[in-house]
Amino acid sequence: MSETTAREVRSVEIDRRPRGFTQEQLDWVPWVEPIQLADADETQRPLLAGDRGIGPYFRVLARNAEVLAHRSANDKEIFYGRAGLTRAERELAATVTSRHNGCEYCASVHSRFTTALSTRGDDVQRLLDEGNGVRLDERWDAIIDFVDALAANPPRANETHVRRLRELGFSAAELHDLVLSTASFSWANRLMLTLGEPEIPSAAE
C-alpha cells in the first residue's frame, strides 16, 4: 500500500487531527508523495542519512535536493552553532513562531525541546494553551513579545522590542540568534502547513 493510499484509509477510519497545541508526539502526513529511500539518487541520499530518512517530511523536501541542503545547513547553524543565545531560548523562539503561525506539528516538536532544555514544562504548556499573550517572567515575556511581533506578516517588531531586550542584558549576538530562529521557523512552518498536516499517532488512542 502506498503512503498516499494509507493516508486516505486513515482519513476514512478516524480523524486524527490534533485538537489544539500539545507537547505530545505528533505524526505528520504529507499531501505530496515522499520519495522512497530505495529510489534516492546520489544527491538526495546523503541528505536523508540517519533519522532524516525515516519520516516523510525530509523525503518530501528531498524532491528539491538543493533547497533541502541549504535548509539543513541553516538549521544546523542556527540551532547548534556558535555561542550566543542559549539553545533553550532558540527553541523557545521556534515554539513562539510556530504558535503564532498555527503550526501544531512544529510547536509540538520545539516545545518539547524547550521543556527539556529549560525544565520549565508548566510554563511551556501555558504558552501552548494561552498563546503568545501569556505572561511568564520578564525575560521570557520579552522574547515572546519580540518573536511574536517579528513573525507577524507584516512584521510588527520595532525598536521598543529591541530596547527592552537590551535592557535585560541581551547581546547583539543573542538578538541576532532570536531573529534567525524566528525567520527559520517562519519558513519551516509554511513548508509544514502547505505540504501536509499533523496527526495523532494511532498508538495514542
N, C-alpha and C. Protein backbone atom coordinates (compact mmCIF):
# COMPACT_ATOMS: atom_id res chain seq x y z
N MET A 1 0.85 -1.20 0.00
CA MET A 1 0.00 0.00 0.00
C MET A 1 0.88 1.24 0.00
N SER A 2 0.64 2.18 -0.90
CA SER A 2 1.44 3.40 -0.96
C SER A 2 1.12 4.29 0.23
N GLU A 3 2.02 5.27 0.51
CA GLU A 3 1.78 6.18 1.62
C GLU A 3 0.54 7.03 1.38
N THR A 4 0.29 7.38 0.12
CA THR A 4 -0.90 8.17 -0.19
C THR A 4 -2.17 7.38 0.10
N THR A 5 -2.20 6.10 -0.34
CA THR A 5 -3.37 5.26 -0.09
C THR A 5 -3.57 5.05 1.40
N ALA A 6 -2.47 4.80 2.13
CA ALA A 6 -2.57 4.59 3.57
C ALA A 6 -3.15 5.82 4.25
N ARG A 7 -2.74 7.00 3.79
CA ARG A 7 -3.25 8.23 4.38
C ARG A 7 -4.75 8.36 4.14
N GLU A 8 -5.20 8.02 2.93
CA GLU A 8 -6.62 8.08 2.61
C GLU A 8 -7.42 7.12 3.47
N VAL A 9 -6.89 5.92 3.70
CA VAL A 9 -7.57 4.94 4.54
C VAL A 9 -7.70 5.45 5.96
N ARG A 10 -6.60 6.04 6.51
CA ARG A 10 -6.66 6.56 7.87
C ARG A 10 -7.69 7.67 7.99
N SER A 11 -7.77 8.50 6.94
CA SER A 11 -8.71 9.62 6.98
C SER A 11 -10.15 9.11 7.06
N VAL A 12 -10.44 8.00 6.39
CA VAL A 12 -11.77 7.42 6.43
C VAL A 12 -12.04 6.80 7.79
N GLU A 13 -11.03 6.12 8.34
CA GLU A 13 -11.22 5.40 9.60
C GLU A 13 -11.50 6.35 10.77
N ILE A 14 -10.69 7.43 10.89
CA ILE A 14 -10.81 8.31 12.05
C ILE A 14 -10.10 9.62 11.74
N ASP A 15 -10.65 10.70 12.28
CA ASP A 15 -9.99 11.99 12.14
C ASP A 15 -8.93 12.09 13.22
N ARG A 16 -7.68 12.07 12.82
CA ARG A 16 -6.59 12.11 13.78
C ARG A 16 -5.97 13.49 13.94
N ARG A 17 -6.63 14.52 13.44
CA ARG A 17 -6.09 15.86 13.62
C ARG A 17 -6.04 16.22 15.10
N PRO A 18 -4.94 16.81 15.57
CA PRO A 18 -4.87 17.24 16.97
C PRO A 18 -5.88 18.34 17.24
N ARG A 19 -6.37 18.39 18.45
CA ARG A 19 -7.32 19.42 18.86
C ARG A 19 -6.59 20.47 19.69
N GLY A 20 -5.79 21.26 19.04
CA GLY A 20 -5.03 22.29 19.74
C GLY A 20 -3.56 21.94 19.86
N PHE A 21 -2.83 22.81 20.53
CA PHE A 21 -1.37 22.67 20.65
C PHE A 21 -1.02 21.74 21.80
N THR A 22 0.01 20.95 21.60
CA THR A 22 0.38 19.94 22.58
C THR A 22 1.89 19.72 22.58
N GLN A 23 2.40 19.24 23.70
CA GLN A 23 3.79 18.79 23.78
C GLN A 23 3.91 17.30 23.47
N GLU A 24 2.79 16.66 23.23
CA GLU A 24 2.83 15.24 22.90
C GLU A 24 3.40 15.04 21.49
N GLN A 25 3.93 13.83 21.27
CA GLN A 25 4.47 13.47 19.97
C GLN A 25 3.34 13.44 18.93
N LEU A 26 3.57 14.09 17.80
CA LEU A 26 2.63 14.06 16.68
C LEU A 26 3.31 13.46 15.46
N ASP A 27 2.51 12.87 14.60
CA ASP A 27 2.99 12.48 13.28
C ASP A 27 2.67 13.60 12.30
N TRP A 28 3.28 13.49 11.11
CA TRP A 28 2.99 14.46 10.05
C TRP A 28 2.72 13.68 8.78
N VAL A 29 1.57 13.96 8.15
CA VAL A 29 1.15 13.23 6.96
C VAL A 29 1.27 14.15 5.75
N PRO A 30 2.07 13.78 4.76
CA PRO A 30 2.26 14.67 3.60
C PRO A 30 1.12 14.59 2.61
N TRP A 31 0.91 15.69 1.89
CA TRP A 31 -0.02 15.72 0.77
C TRP A 31 0.73 15.50 -0.55
N VAL A 32 2.04 15.52 -0.48
CA VAL A 32 2.89 15.26 -1.64
C VAL A 32 3.61 13.94 -1.38
N GLU A 33 3.64 13.06 -2.37
CA GLU A 33 4.25 11.75 -2.17
C GLU A 33 5.75 11.89 -1.88
N PRO A 34 6.22 11.38 -0.74
CA PRO A 34 7.66 11.43 -0.45
C PRO A 34 8.41 10.46 -1.36
N ILE A 35 9.68 10.73 -1.57
CA ILE A 35 10.49 9.75 -2.29
C ILE A 35 10.74 8.56 -1.36
N GLN A 36 10.95 7.40 -1.92
CA GLN A 36 11.34 6.24 -1.15
C GLN A 36 12.86 6.19 -1.06
N LEU A 37 13.39 5.79 0.09
CA LEU A 37 14.84 5.77 0.26
C LEU A 37 15.53 4.94 -0.82
N ALA A 38 14.88 3.86 -1.21
CA ALA A 38 15.48 3.00 -2.23
C ALA A 38 15.59 3.70 -3.58
N ASP A 39 14.78 4.74 -3.77
CA ASP A 39 14.79 5.46 -5.05
C ASP A 39 15.64 6.73 -5.01
N ALA A 40 16.22 7.06 -3.84
CA ALA A 40 17.00 8.29 -3.70
C ALA A 40 18.26 8.22 -4.56
N ASP A 41 18.58 9.33 -5.20
CA ASP A 41 19.77 9.35 -6.03
C ASP A 41 20.98 9.79 -5.20
N GLU A 42 22.13 9.93 -5.84
CA GLU A 42 23.36 10.21 -5.11
C GLU A 42 23.36 11.61 -4.49
N THR A 43 22.55 12.51 -5.00
CA THR A 43 22.43 13.84 -4.41
C THR A 43 21.49 13.82 -3.21
N GLN A 44 20.42 13.06 -3.31
CA GLN A 44 19.41 13.01 -2.24
C GLN A 44 19.85 12.14 -1.06
N ARG A 45 20.56 11.07 -1.35
CA ARG A 45 20.86 10.06 -0.32
C ARG A 45 21.59 10.64 0.90
N PRO A 46 22.64 11.45 0.73
CA PRO A 46 23.32 11.98 1.92
C PRO A 46 22.43 12.89 2.77
N LEU A 47 21.44 13.53 2.15
CA LEU A 47 20.56 14.43 2.87
C LEU A 47 19.52 13.69 3.71
N LEU A 48 19.41 12.38 3.47
CA LEU A 48 18.42 11.55 4.18
C LEU A 48 19.08 10.53 5.09
N ALA A 49 20.35 10.76 5.41
CA ALA A 49 21.07 9.81 6.27
C ALA A 49 20.49 9.83 7.68
N GLY A 50 20.55 8.70 8.35
CA GLY A 50 20.08 8.61 9.73
C GLY A 50 18.59 8.79 9.86
N ASP A 51 18.19 9.50 10.91
CA ASP A 51 16.76 9.66 11.21
C ASP A 51 16.01 10.44 10.15
N ARG A 52 16.72 11.25 9.37
CA ARG A 52 16.03 12.09 8.39
C ARG A 52 15.36 11.28 7.29
N GLY A 53 15.80 10.06 7.10
CA GLY A 53 15.18 9.24 6.07
C GLY A 53 13.99 8.43 6.57
N ILE A 54 13.71 8.52 7.88
CA ILE A 54 12.64 7.68 8.45
C ILE A 54 11.26 8.30 8.21
N GLY A 55 11.07 9.53 8.63
CA GLY A 55 9.78 10.19 8.47
C GLY A 55 9.60 10.74 7.06
N PRO A 56 8.39 11.14 6.72
CA PRO A 56 8.12 11.59 5.35
C PRO A 56 8.57 13.01 5.04
N TYR A 57 8.73 13.88 6.06
CA TYR A 57 8.96 15.30 5.80
C TYR A 57 10.21 15.55 4.95
N PHE A 58 11.34 15.02 5.39
CA PHE A 58 12.57 15.26 4.65
C PHE A 58 12.60 14.50 3.33
N ARG A 59 11.84 13.42 3.25
CA ARG A 59 11.76 12.71 1.97
C ARG A 59 10.91 13.47 0.96
N VAL A 60 9.98 14.30 1.45
CA VAL A 60 9.27 15.21 0.55
C VAL A 60 10.21 16.33 0.10
N LEU A 61 10.92 16.94 1.07
CA LEU A 61 11.81 18.05 0.74
C LEU A 61 12.94 17.62 -0.18
N ALA A 62 13.32 16.34 -0.08
CA ALA A 62 14.42 15.85 -0.91
C ALA A 62 14.09 15.85 -2.39
N ARG A 63 12.85 16.08 -2.74
CA ARG A 63 12.49 16.21 -4.16
C ARG A 63 13.17 17.44 -4.77
N ASN A 64 13.54 18.39 -3.91
CA ASN A 64 14.38 19.51 -4.35
C ASN A 64 15.62 19.49 -3.47
N ALA A 65 16.58 18.68 -3.87
CA ALA A 65 17.74 18.39 -3.02
C ALA A 65 18.56 19.65 -2.72
N GLU A 66 18.68 20.54 -3.66
CA GLU A 66 19.49 21.74 -3.44
C GLU A 66 18.90 22.60 -2.33
N VAL A 67 17.59 22.79 -2.37
CA VAL A 67 16.92 23.58 -1.32
C VAL A 67 17.04 22.88 0.03
N LEU A 68 16.87 21.56 0.06
CA LEU A 68 16.99 20.83 1.32
C LEU A 68 18.39 20.95 1.89
N ALA A 69 19.42 20.92 1.04
CA ALA A 69 20.79 21.05 1.52
C ALA A 69 21.00 22.39 2.21
N HIS A 70 20.49 23.46 1.61
CA HIS A 70 20.61 24.79 2.22
C HIS A 70 19.79 24.87 3.50
N ARG A 71 18.59 24.31 3.48
CA ARG A 71 17.73 24.34 4.66
C ARG A 71 18.39 23.61 5.83
N SER A 72 18.98 22.45 5.57
CA SER A 72 19.62 21.66 6.63
C SER A 72 20.84 22.39 7.19
N ALA A 73 21.62 23.02 6.33
CA ALA A 73 22.79 23.77 6.79
C ALA A 73 22.37 24.95 7.66
N ASN A 74 21.33 25.66 7.24
CA ASN A 74 20.83 26.78 8.03
C ASN A 74 20.34 26.32 9.40
N ASP A 75 19.58 25.24 9.41
CA ASP A 75 19.02 24.71 10.65
C ASP A 75 20.13 24.33 11.62
N LYS A 76 21.14 23.66 11.12
CA LYS A 76 22.25 23.22 11.97
C LYS A 76 22.98 24.41 12.57
N GLU A 77 23.25 25.42 11.77
CA GLU A 77 23.98 26.59 12.25
C GLU A 77 23.15 27.40 13.24
N ILE A 78 21.86 27.58 12.94
CA ILE A 78 21.01 28.43 13.78
C ILE A 78 20.77 27.79 15.15
N PHE A 79 20.57 26.48 15.18
CA PHE A 79 20.19 25.85 16.46
C PHE A 79 21.34 25.15 17.18
N TYR A 80 22.43 24.86 16.51
CA TYR A 80 23.53 24.15 17.16
C TYR A 80 24.87 24.86 17.00
N GLY A 81 24.87 26.08 16.44
CA GLY A 81 26.10 26.76 16.08
C GLY A 81 26.79 27.45 17.24
N ARG A 82 27.47 28.51 16.88
CA ARG A 82 28.34 29.26 17.77
C ARG A 82 27.66 29.69 19.06
N ALA A 83 28.50 30.25 19.96
CA ALA A 83 27.97 30.76 21.22
C ALA A 83 27.06 31.95 20.94
N GLY A 84 26.14 32.18 21.83
CA GLY A 84 25.18 33.28 21.70
C GLY A 84 24.00 32.97 22.58
N LEU A 85 22.82 33.04 22.03
CA LEU A 85 21.61 32.72 22.78
C LEU A 85 21.65 31.26 23.23
N THR A 86 21.09 30.99 24.40
CA THR A 86 21.06 29.60 24.86
C THR A 86 20.20 28.76 23.91
N ARG A 87 20.50 27.48 23.85
CA ARG A 87 19.72 26.60 22.98
C ARG A 87 18.26 26.58 23.42
N ALA A 88 18.01 26.63 24.73
CA ALA A 88 16.62 26.63 25.22
C ALA A 88 15.85 27.82 24.68
N GLU A 89 16.49 29.00 24.64
CA GLU A 89 15.79 30.19 24.18
C GLU A 89 15.67 30.22 22.66
N ARG A 90 16.58 29.59 21.95
CA ARG A 90 16.40 29.42 20.50
C ARG A 90 15.18 28.54 20.24
N GLU A 91 15.04 27.48 21.03
CA GLU A 91 13.89 26.59 20.88
C GLU A 91 12.61 27.30 21.30
N LEU A 92 12.69 28.14 22.33
CA LEU A 92 11.53 28.94 22.73
C LEU A 92 11.08 29.82 21.56
N ALA A 93 12.03 30.45 20.88
CA ALA A 93 11.69 31.29 19.73
C ALA A 93 11.00 30.47 18.64
N ALA A 94 11.49 29.26 18.40
CA ALA A 94 10.85 28.39 17.40
C ALA A 94 9.43 28.02 17.83
N THR A 95 9.24 27.79 19.12
CA THR A 95 7.91 27.45 19.63
C THR A 95 6.95 28.62 19.50
N VAL A 96 7.40 29.81 19.87
CA VAL A 96 6.56 31.01 19.78
C VAL A 96 6.18 31.28 18.33
N THR A 97 7.15 31.16 17.42
CA THR A 97 6.88 31.37 16.00
C THR A 97 5.84 30.37 15.50
N SER A 98 6.01 29.10 15.88
CA SER A 98 5.07 28.07 15.45
C SER A 98 3.69 28.29 16.04
N ARG A 99 3.64 28.77 17.27
CA ARG A 99 2.34 29.08 17.89
C ARG A 99 1.67 30.23 17.14
N HIS A 100 2.44 31.24 16.78
CA HIS A 100 1.89 32.38 16.03
C HIS A 100 1.34 31.94 14.68
N ASN A 101 2.09 31.08 13.99
CA ASN A 101 1.72 30.68 12.63
C ASN A 101 0.71 29.53 12.59
N GLY A 102 0.38 28.97 13.75
CA GLY A 102 -0.61 27.91 13.80
C GLY A 102 -0.10 26.55 13.37
N CYS A 103 1.22 26.33 13.48
CA CYS A 103 1.79 25.05 13.07
C CYS A 103 1.87 24.13 14.29
N GLU A 104 0.87 23.28 14.43
CA GLU A 104 0.79 22.41 15.61
C GLU A 104 1.94 21.40 15.65
N TYR A 105 2.34 20.91 14.49
CA TYR A 105 3.42 19.91 14.47
C TYR A 105 4.74 20.53 14.95
N CYS A 106 5.15 21.65 14.36
CA CYS A 106 6.40 22.29 14.76
C CYS A 106 6.36 22.72 16.22
N ALA A 107 5.22 23.23 16.65
CA ALA A 107 5.08 23.65 18.05
C ALA A 107 5.26 22.47 18.99
N SER A 108 4.75 21.31 18.61
CA SER A 108 4.89 20.13 19.49
C SER A 108 6.35 19.72 19.61
N VAL A 109 7.06 19.71 18.49
CA VAL A 109 8.47 19.31 18.50
C VAL A 109 9.30 20.28 19.32
N HIS A 110 9.16 21.55 19.05
CA HIS A 110 10.07 22.53 19.67
C HIS A 110 9.64 22.93 21.08
N SER A 111 8.39 22.73 21.41
CA SER A 111 8.01 22.91 22.82
C SER A 111 8.62 21.81 23.68
N ARG A 112 8.71 20.60 23.13
CA ARG A 112 9.36 19.52 23.89
C ARG A 112 10.84 19.83 24.10
N PHE A 113 11.51 20.35 23.08
CA PHE A 113 12.91 20.74 23.24
C PHE A 113 13.04 21.85 24.28
N THR A 114 12.13 22.83 24.22
CA THR A 114 12.19 23.93 25.18
C THR A 114 12.02 23.41 26.60
N THR A 115 11.07 22.53 26.80
CA THR A 115 10.86 21.94 28.12
C THR A 115 12.09 21.18 28.59
N ALA A 116 12.63 20.33 27.73
CA ALA A 116 13.78 19.50 28.11
C ALA A 116 14.99 20.36 28.47
N LEU A 117 15.21 21.44 27.73
CA LEU A 117 16.41 22.25 27.92
C LEU A 117 16.25 23.29 29.03
N SER A 118 15.02 23.72 29.29
CA SER A 118 14.79 24.76 30.30
C SER A 118 14.25 24.20 31.61
N THR A 119 13.70 22.97 31.58
CA THR A 119 13.00 22.34 32.71
C THR A 119 11.81 23.19 33.17
N ARG A 120 11.18 23.90 32.24
CA ARG A 120 10.03 24.75 32.57
C ARG A 120 8.79 24.26 31.83
N GLY A 121 8.50 23.00 31.99
CA GLY A 121 7.41 22.38 31.24
C GLY A 121 6.06 23.02 31.48
N ASP A 122 5.77 23.44 32.71
CA ASP A 122 4.48 24.05 33.00
C ASP A 122 4.34 25.40 32.28
N ASP A 123 5.42 26.17 32.25
CA ASP A 123 5.39 27.44 31.55
C ASP A 123 5.23 27.24 30.04
N VAL A 124 5.92 26.25 29.51
CA VAL A 124 5.82 25.96 28.09
C VAL A 124 4.39 25.54 27.74
N GLN A 125 3.78 24.75 28.60
CA GLN A 125 2.41 24.33 28.34
C GLN A 125 1.45 25.50 28.41
N ARG A 126 1.69 26.42 29.32
CA ARG A 126 0.84 27.63 29.37
C ARG A 126 0.96 28.42 28.08
N LEU A 127 2.16 28.50 27.54
CA LEU A 127 2.36 29.19 26.26
C LEU A 127 1.52 28.53 25.17
N LEU A 128 1.56 27.21 25.12
CA LEU A 128 0.77 26.50 24.11
C LEU A 128 -0.72 26.69 24.33
N ASP A 129 -1.16 26.65 25.57
CA ASP A 129 -2.59 26.74 25.88
C ASP A 129 -3.14 28.15 25.70
N GLU A 130 -2.40 29.14 26.19
CA GLU A 130 -2.91 30.51 26.24
C GLU A 130 -2.49 31.36 25.04
N GLY A 131 -1.48 30.91 24.33
CA GLY A 131 -0.99 31.68 23.19
C GLY A 131 0.12 32.63 23.58
N ASN A 132 0.56 33.43 22.62
CA ASN A 132 1.72 34.29 22.82
C ASN A 132 1.46 35.51 23.67
N GLY A 133 0.23 35.68 24.13
CA GLY A 133 -0.07 36.74 25.09
C GLY A 133 0.17 36.30 26.53
N VAL A 134 0.59 35.07 26.75
CA VAL A 134 0.84 34.56 28.10
C VAL A 134 1.92 35.39 28.78
N ARG A 135 1.83 35.53 30.10
CA ARG A 135 2.87 36.22 30.87
C ARG A 135 3.53 35.23 31.81
N LEU A 136 4.88 35.12 31.72
CA LEU A 136 5.61 34.09 32.47
C LEU A 136 6.67 34.70 33.38
N ASP A 137 7.65 35.37 32.81
CA ASP A 137 8.60 36.14 33.59
C ASP A 137 9.19 37.20 32.67
N GLU A 138 9.96 38.11 33.22
CA GLU A 138 10.40 39.28 32.45
C GLU A 138 11.19 38.89 31.20
N ARG A 139 12.11 37.97 31.34
CA ARG A 139 12.96 37.61 30.20
C ARG A 139 12.18 36.86 29.13
N TRP A 140 11.44 35.83 29.52
CA TRP A 140 10.67 35.07 28.53
C TRP A 140 9.57 35.93 27.90
N ASP A 141 8.95 36.82 28.68
CA ASP A 141 7.92 37.69 28.11
C ASP A 141 8.51 38.58 27.02
N ALA A 142 9.72 39.10 27.26
CA ALA A 142 10.36 39.96 26.27
C ALA A 142 10.69 39.18 25.00
N ILE A 143 11.16 37.95 25.16
CA ILE A 143 11.43 37.10 24.00
C ILE A 143 10.14 36.82 23.24
N ILE A 144 9.12 36.41 23.96
CA ILE A 144 7.84 36.05 23.33
C ILE A 144 7.27 37.23 22.56
N ASP A 145 7.28 38.41 23.17
CA ASP A 145 6.69 39.58 22.53
C ASP A 145 7.47 39.97 21.27
N PHE A 146 8.80 39.92 21.34
CA PHE A 146 9.61 40.27 20.17
C PHE A 146 9.41 39.26 19.05
N VAL A 147 9.47 37.98 19.38
CA VAL A 147 9.35 36.94 18.36
C VAL A 147 7.96 36.96 17.73
N ASP A 148 6.92 37.11 18.55
CA ASP A 148 5.56 37.15 18.02
C ASP A 148 5.39 38.34 17.07
N ALA A 149 5.97 39.48 17.43
CA ALA A 149 5.88 40.66 16.56
C ALA A 149 6.68 40.48 15.29
N LEU A 150 7.84 39.83 15.38
CA LEU A 150 8.69 39.61 14.21
C LEU A 150 8.07 38.59 13.26
N ALA A 151 7.37 37.60 13.81
CA ALA A 151 6.76 36.54 12.99
C ALA A 151 5.50 37.01 12.28
N ALA A 152 4.95 38.14 12.71
CA ALA A 152 3.72 38.65 12.09
C ALA A 152 3.98 39.02 10.63
N ASN A 153 2.91 39.03 9.84
CA ASN A 153 3.01 39.38 8.43
C ASN A 153 2.00 40.51 8.12
N PRO A 154 2.49 41.76 7.98
CA PRO A 154 3.90 42.18 8.01
C PRO A 154 4.42 42.23 9.44
N PRO A 155 5.74 42.18 9.61
CA PRO A 155 6.31 42.20 10.97
C PRO A 155 5.94 43.46 11.74
N ARG A 156 5.74 43.30 13.05
CA ARG A 156 5.41 44.43 13.93
C ARG A 156 6.56 44.76 14.87
N ALA A 157 7.65 44.00 14.82
CA ALA A 157 8.78 44.23 15.73
C ALA A 157 9.39 45.60 15.46
N ASN A 158 9.79 46.28 16.53
CA ASN A 158 10.33 47.63 16.37
C ASN A 158 11.41 47.89 17.42
N GLU A 159 11.89 49.11 17.43
CA GLU A 159 12.98 49.47 18.32
C GLU A 159 12.61 49.29 19.79
N THR A 160 11.35 49.45 20.13
CA THR A 160 10.93 49.26 21.51
C THR A 160 11.17 47.83 21.97
N HIS A 161 10.87 46.86 21.12
CA HIS A 161 11.13 45.47 21.46
C HIS A 161 12.63 45.23 21.67
N VAL A 162 13.43 45.77 20.78
CA VAL A 162 14.88 45.58 20.85
C VAL A 162 15.44 46.25 22.10
N ARG A 163 14.99 47.46 22.39
CA ARG A 163 15.47 48.17 23.58
C ARG A 163 15.14 47.39 24.85
N ARG A 164 13.96 46.84 24.90
CA ARG A 164 13.55 46.05 26.08
C ARG A 164 14.48 44.86 26.27
N LEU A 165 14.82 44.17 25.19
CA LEU A 165 15.72 43.02 25.28
C LEU A 165 17.12 43.46 25.70
N ARG A 166 17.59 44.55 25.14
CA ARG A 166 18.92 45.05 25.50
C ARG A 166 18.98 45.42 26.99
N GLU A 167 17.91 46.02 27.50
CA GLU A 167 17.87 46.40 28.92
C GLU A 167 17.90 45.17 29.83
N LEU A 168 17.47 44.04 29.29
CA LEU A 168 17.53 42.78 30.05
C LEU A 168 18.87 42.08 29.88
N GLY A 169 19.79 42.68 29.13
CA GLY A 169 21.13 42.14 29.01
C GLY A 169 21.42 41.34 27.76
N PHE A 170 20.50 41.32 26.81
CA PHE A 170 20.74 40.57 25.57
C PHE A 170 21.84 41.27 24.76
N SER A 171 22.78 40.47 24.31
CA SER A 171 23.86 40.98 23.48
C SER A 171 23.40 41.05 22.03
N ALA A 172 24.22 41.69 21.18
CA ALA A 172 23.90 41.74 19.76
C ALA A 172 23.83 40.35 19.16
N ALA A 173 24.74 39.46 19.60
CA ALA A 173 24.74 38.09 19.09
C ALA A 173 23.47 37.35 19.49
N GLU A 174 23.00 37.57 20.71
CA GLU A 174 21.78 36.90 21.17
C GLU A 174 20.56 37.43 20.41
N LEU A 175 20.52 38.72 20.17
CA LEU A 175 19.42 39.28 19.38
C LEU A 175 19.44 38.71 17.96
N HIS A 176 20.63 38.59 17.41
CA HIS A 176 20.79 38.01 16.08
C HIS A 176 20.24 36.59 16.05
N ASP A 177 20.54 35.81 17.09
CA ASP A 177 20.04 34.43 17.15
C ASP A 177 18.52 34.38 17.25
N LEU A 178 17.93 35.31 17.98
CA LEU A 178 16.46 35.36 18.06
C LEU A 178 15.85 35.63 16.69
N VAL A 179 16.45 36.56 15.96
CA VAL A 179 15.95 36.89 14.63
C VAL A 179 16.08 35.68 13.71
N LEU A 180 17.23 35.00 13.75
CA LEU A 180 17.44 33.84 12.88
C LEU A 180 16.48 32.70 13.22
N SER A 181 16.28 32.44 14.51
CA SER A 181 15.36 31.37 14.91
C SER A 181 13.95 31.66 14.43
N THR A 182 13.53 32.91 14.56
CA THR A 182 12.19 33.29 14.13
C THR A 182 12.04 33.19 12.62
N ALA A 183 13.03 33.68 11.90
CA ALA A 183 12.98 33.62 10.44
C ALA A 183 12.99 32.18 9.95
N SER A 184 13.85 31.36 10.55
CA SER A 184 13.95 29.96 10.14
C SER A 184 12.62 29.25 10.31
N PHE A 185 11.95 29.51 11.44
CA PHE A 185 10.71 28.79 11.67
C PHE A 185 9.51 29.41 10.99
N SER A 186 9.59 30.66 10.63
CA SER A 186 8.54 31.20 9.77
C SER A 186 8.56 30.47 8.43
N TRP A 187 9.75 30.14 7.96
CA TRP A 187 9.90 29.37 6.72
C TRP A 187 9.46 27.92 6.94
N ALA A 188 9.98 27.29 8.00
CA ALA A 188 9.67 25.88 8.27
C ALA A 188 8.17 25.67 8.47
N ASN A 189 7.52 26.57 9.20
CA ASN A 189 6.08 26.45 9.42
C ASN A 189 5.32 26.46 8.11
N ARG A 190 5.70 27.34 7.23
CA ARG A 190 4.99 27.45 5.95
C ARG A 190 5.18 26.20 5.10
N LEU A 191 6.35 25.59 5.18
CA LEU A 191 6.55 24.32 4.48
C LEU A 191 5.64 23.24 5.07
N MET A 192 5.64 23.12 6.39
CA MET A 192 4.83 22.08 7.04
C MET A 192 3.35 22.28 6.74
N LEU A 193 2.89 23.52 6.78
CA LEU A 193 1.47 23.81 6.63
C LEU A 193 0.97 23.67 5.20
N THR A 194 1.87 23.82 4.23
CA THR A 194 1.44 23.74 2.84
C THR A 194 1.69 22.37 2.22
N LEU A 195 2.53 21.55 2.85
CA LEU A 195 2.87 20.25 2.28
C LEU A 195 2.20 19.07 2.98
N GLY A 196 1.53 19.31 4.09
CA GLY A 196 0.90 18.20 4.81
C GLY A 196 0.17 18.68 6.05
N GLU A 197 -0.16 17.75 6.94
CA GLU A 197 -0.88 18.09 8.15
C GLU A 197 -0.46 17.17 9.29
N PRO A 198 -0.60 17.65 10.54
CA PRO A 198 -0.25 16.80 11.68
C PRO A 198 -1.35 15.80 11.98
N GLU A 199 -0.98 14.72 12.62
CA GLU A 199 -1.99 13.79 13.10
C GLU A 199 -1.50 13.13 14.38
N ILE A 200 -2.46 12.70 15.18
CA ILE A 200 -2.15 11.98 16.42
C ILE A 200 -1.78 10.55 16.06
N PRO A 201 -0.64 10.05 16.58
CA PRO A 201 -0.26 8.67 16.27
C PRO A 201 -1.32 7.69 16.72
N SER A 202 -1.46 6.61 16.00
CA SER A 202 -2.51 5.64 16.32
C SER A 202 -2.33 5.04 17.70
N ALA A 203 -1.09 4.91 18.17
CA ALA A 203 -0.84 4.33 19.49
C ALA A 203 -1.36 5.22 20.61
N ALA A 204 -1.67 6.51 20.30
CA ALA A 204 -2.14 7.44 21.32
C ALA A 204 -3.62 7.29 21.61
N GLU A 205 -4.33 6.44 20.88
CA GLU A 205 -5.77 6.28 21.10
C GLU A 205 -6.05 5.62 22.45
